[in-house]
């Protein structure tokens, strides 16, 4: 099952999976479909095994703003207009965070 914690530093957007074991060198101890971990940075309990490693940068402002404008009843162009982000960025975010979305009509800004 693909990881659904898009705002976690362990989420790998290329593989759509959790890289916890690669980053920290140990298992999460929680099955993927039950995972409640959503890390936003390193701490005493979560230190990377690679010296000098940095957490994946996640723009929390974008994540929160997209969640506030998202609605399954809205069209992509309306969400882009309300958020101030480009249509391509909105499409990418919706596909990742809300794969159930099916209101793809009127993708252009006529």
Protein backbone atom coordinates (compact mmCIF):
# COMPACT_ATOMS: atom_id res chain seq x y z
CA UNK A 1 0.00 0.00 0.00
CA UNK A 2 1.28 3.44 -0.90
CA UNK A 3 2.09 5.89 1.89
CA UNK A 4 -0.56 8.56 2.49
CA UNK A 5 1.49 10.85 4.77
CA UNK A 6 2.48 13.31 2.04
CA UNK A 7 3.70 15.88 4.56
CA UNK A 8 6.03 13.43 6.37
CA UNK A 9 9.81 13.70 5.93
CA UNK A 10 9.90 9.93 5.29
CA UNK A 11 7.49 10.05 2.35
CA UNK A 12 9.22 9.46 -0.98
CA UNK A 13 7.24 11.12 -3.78
CA UNK A 14 9.08 9.15 -6.47
CA UNK A 15 8.12 5.74 -5.10
CA UNK A 16 5.02 6.90 -3.19
CA UNK A 17 6.28 4.94 -0.21
CA UNK A 18 7.74 5.42 3.24
CA UNK A 19 11.53 5.57 3.54
CA UNK A 20 11.57 5.34 7.35
CA UNK A 21 13.78 2.23 7.39
CA UNK A 22 16.23 3.82 4.91
CA UNK A 23 16.47 7.08 6.86
CA UNK A 24 16.57 5.72 10.41
CA UNK A 25 17.94 2.18 9.89
CA UNK A 26 15.11 0.45 11.73
CA UNK A 27 11.52 -0.55 11.17
CA UNK A 28 8.65 1.73 12.19
CA UNK A 29 7.05 -1.10 14.13
CA UNK A 30 3.67 -0.18 12.64
CA UNK A 31 2.07 -1.69 9.52
CA UNK A 32 1.83 0.78 6.63
CA UNK A 33 -1.96 0.94 6.59
CA UNK A 34 -2.01 1.68 10.34
CA UNK A 35 0.91 4.13 10.44
CA UNK A 36 0.19 7.20 12.54
CA UNK A 37 3.72 8.59 12.36
CA UNK A 38 4.01 11.81 10.41
CA UNK A 39 7.40 13.33 11.09
CA UNK A 40 8.18 16.94 10.23
CA UNK A 41 11.79 16.91 11.40
CA UNK A 42 14.46 14.98 13.26
CA UNK A 43 14.41 14.70 17.06
CA UNK A 44 16.16 12.67 19.77
CA UNK A 45 14.09 9.57 18.98
CA UNK A 46 14.34 10.01 15.22
CA UNK A 47 17.92 10.68 14.14
CA UNK A 48 19.07 9.64 10.66
CA UNK A 49 21.72 6.96 10.29
CA UNK A 50 23.57 9.01 7.67
CA UNK A 51 25.66 11.74 9.25
CA UNK A 52 24.68 15.19 8.01
CA UNK A 53 21.39 14.03 6.48
CA UNK A 54 18.70 16.67 6.22
CA UNK A 55 14.95 16.12 6.35
CA UNK A 56 13.00 16.40 3.12
CA UNK A 57 11.70 19.94 2.80
CA UNK A 58 7.92 20.18 2.82
CA UNK A 59 6.16 23.45 2.29
CA UNK A 60 3.52 23.27 5.02
CA UNK A 61 1.99 26.56 3.85
CA UNK A 62 1.21 25.03 0.46
CA UNK A 63 -0.14 21.83 2.06
CA UNK A 64 -2.47 23.75 4.39
CA UNK A 65 -3.62 26.22 1.77
CA UNK A 66 -4.47 23.43 -0.67
CA UNK A 67 -6.46 21.60 2.01
CA UNK A 68 -8.48 24.75 2.73
CA UNK A 69 -9.44 25.30 -0.93
CA UNK A 70 -9.95 21.62 -1.80
CA UNK A 71 -13.45 20.30 -2.33
CA UNK A 72 -14.48 17.27 -4.40
CA UNK A 73 -17.22 19.46 -5.88
CA UNK A 74 -14.81 22.13 -7.18
CA UNK A 75 -12.98 22.07 -10.47
CA UNK A 76 -9.21 22.30 -10.75
CA UNK A 77 -9.32 25.79 -12.26
CA UNK A 78 -11.36 27.08 -9.30
CA UNK A 79 -8.98 25.56 -6.75
CA UNK A 80 -6.01 27.05 -8.63
CA UNK A 81 -7.64 30.46 -8.72
CA UNK A 82 -8.54 30.38 -5.01
CA UNK A 83 -5.15 29.09 -3.88
CA UNK A 84 -3.07 31.31 -6.14
CA UNK A 85 -1.05 28.28 -7.30
CA UNK A 86 -0.66 27.17 -10.89
CA UNK A 87 -2.98 24.61 -12.41
CA UNK A 88 -0.14 22.06 -12.74
CA UNK A 89 0.75 22.32 -9.05
CA UNK A 90 -2.91 21.88 -8.05
CA UNK A 91 -3.31 18.85 -10.34
CA UNK A 92 -0.18 17.22 -8.92
CA UNK A 93 -1.32 17.86 -5.32
CA UNK A 94 -4.86 16.58 -5.95
CA UNK A 95 -3.58 13.40 -7.63
CA UNK A 96 -1.32 12.64 -4.66
CA UNK A 97 -3.48 13.69 -1.73
CA UNK A 98 -6.99 13.01 -3.07
CA UNK A 99 -6.71 10.21 -5.66
CA UNK A 100 -10.47 9.68 -5.37
CA UNK A 101 -11.09 13.10 -6.96
CA UNK A 102 -13.03 12.78 -10.22
CA UNK A 103 -14.10 16.33 -11.13
CA UNK A 104 -11.46 16.85 -13.83
CA UNK A 105 -13.65 18.92 -16.16
CA UNK A 106 -12.60 22.35 -17.43
CA UNK A 107 -8.88 22.13 -16.75
CA UNK A 108 -8.11 25.24 -18.78
CA UNK A 109 -8.46 28.90 -17.74
CA UNK A 110 -10.68 30.09 -20.58
